Protein backbone atom coordinates (compact mmCIF):
# COMPACT_ATOMS: atom_id res chain seq x y z
CA MET A 1 93.38 69.37 63.23
CA ILE A 2 96.87 68.41 62.56
CA GLU A 3 98.98 71.31 62.55
CA LYS A 4 101.06 71.96 58.70
CA PRO A 5 104.48 71.66 60.94
CA VAL A 6 103.21 68.35 62.43
CA TRP A 7 101.99 67.35 59.02
CA ALA A 8 105.16 67.68 57.36
CA GLU A 9 106.63 65.34 59.77
CA MET A 10 103.56 62.60 58.96
CA LYS A 11 104.28 63.13 55.46
CA LYS A 12 108.01 61.99 55.68
CA ILE A 13 106.82 59.19 57.41
CA GLY A 14 103.89 57.98 55.09
CA ILE A 15 100.60 58.81 55.21
CA SER A 16 99.51 55.45 53.75
CA LYS A 17 101.55 53.70 55.92
CA ILE A 18 100.12 55.50 59.27
CA ALA A 19 96.67 54.64 57.99
CA ARG A 20 97.27 50.86 57.18
CA GLN A 21 98.92 50.50 60.68
CA MET A 22 95.94 52.46 62.50
CA GLY A 23 93.68 50.09 60.90
CA ILE A 24 91.74 53.25 59.42
CA THR A 25 91.65 54.56 55.61
CA ARG A 26 93.66 57.30 54.20
CA ALA A 27 90.16 59.50 53.91
CA ASN A 28 89.59 58.94 57.63
CA PHE A 29 93.04 60.40 58.31
CA TYR A 30 92.89 63.48 56.13
CA GLN A 31 90.03 64.40 58.02
CA TRP A 32 92.00 65.04 60.95
CA ARG A 33 94.49 66.84 58.91
CA ASN A 34 91.52 69.10 57.22
CA SER A 35 88.62 69.02 59.70
CA LYS A 36 88.08 66.84 62.66
CA PRO A 37 90.89 66.97 65.56
CA VAL A 38 92.60 63.50 66.39
CA PRO A 39 90.07 61.58 68.71
CA ASP A 40 91.41 61.32 72.04
CA GLY A 41 91.31 57.79 71.99
CA ARG A 42 93.39 57.01 69.01
CA LEU A 43 96.23 59.69 69.96
CA LEU A 44 98.52 57.38 72.06
CA GLU A 45 98.45 55.06 68.94
CA LEU A 46 99.14 57.57 66.73
CA GLU A 47 102.04 59.18 68.99
CA LYS A 48 103.44 55.22 68.78
CA VAL A 49 102.95 55.07 65.31
CA THR A 50 104.61 58.29 64.08
CA GLY A 51 106.90 59.04 66.98
CA ILE A 52 105.87 62.34 67.85
CA ALA A 53 104.86 63.27 70.58
CA ARG A 54 101.18 63.42 71.79
CA HIS A 55 101.76 67.32 72.58
CA LEU A 56 102.77 68.03 69.15
CA LEU A 57 99.66 65.58 67.90
CA LYS A 58 97.08 67.90 69.32
CA PRO A 59 98.40 70.59 71.32
CA ARG A 60 95.19 72.04 72.45
CA LEU A 61 94.37 69.40 74.93
CA PHE A 62 97.86 70.13 76.52
CA GLU A 63 97.63 73.81 76.96
CA ASN A 64 99.54 73.53 79.88
CA TYR A 65 101.95 71.40 78.96
CA SER A 66 105.81 71.48 79.64
CA VAL A 67 108.68 69.42 79.10
CA ASN A 68 111.30 69.57 81.80
CA LYS A 69 114.61 68.53 80.52
CA THR A 70 117.06 67.55 83.74
CA HIS A 71 120.54 66.32 83.14
């Protein structure tokens, strides 16, 4: 399931636009919000289309993921 803060960002982009770019229906996309997780095989595509990092799209998959910022 897509968490509320991430969903809010996606709504700014446009749910219909994201679904269209991914070649899925809005209904399929809403399933990811309401009941089903984003399929692992669609995660990178969703990241590319939305610009939202994969660890934010599916945090359970990346529980031990950390971003190291170096300057």
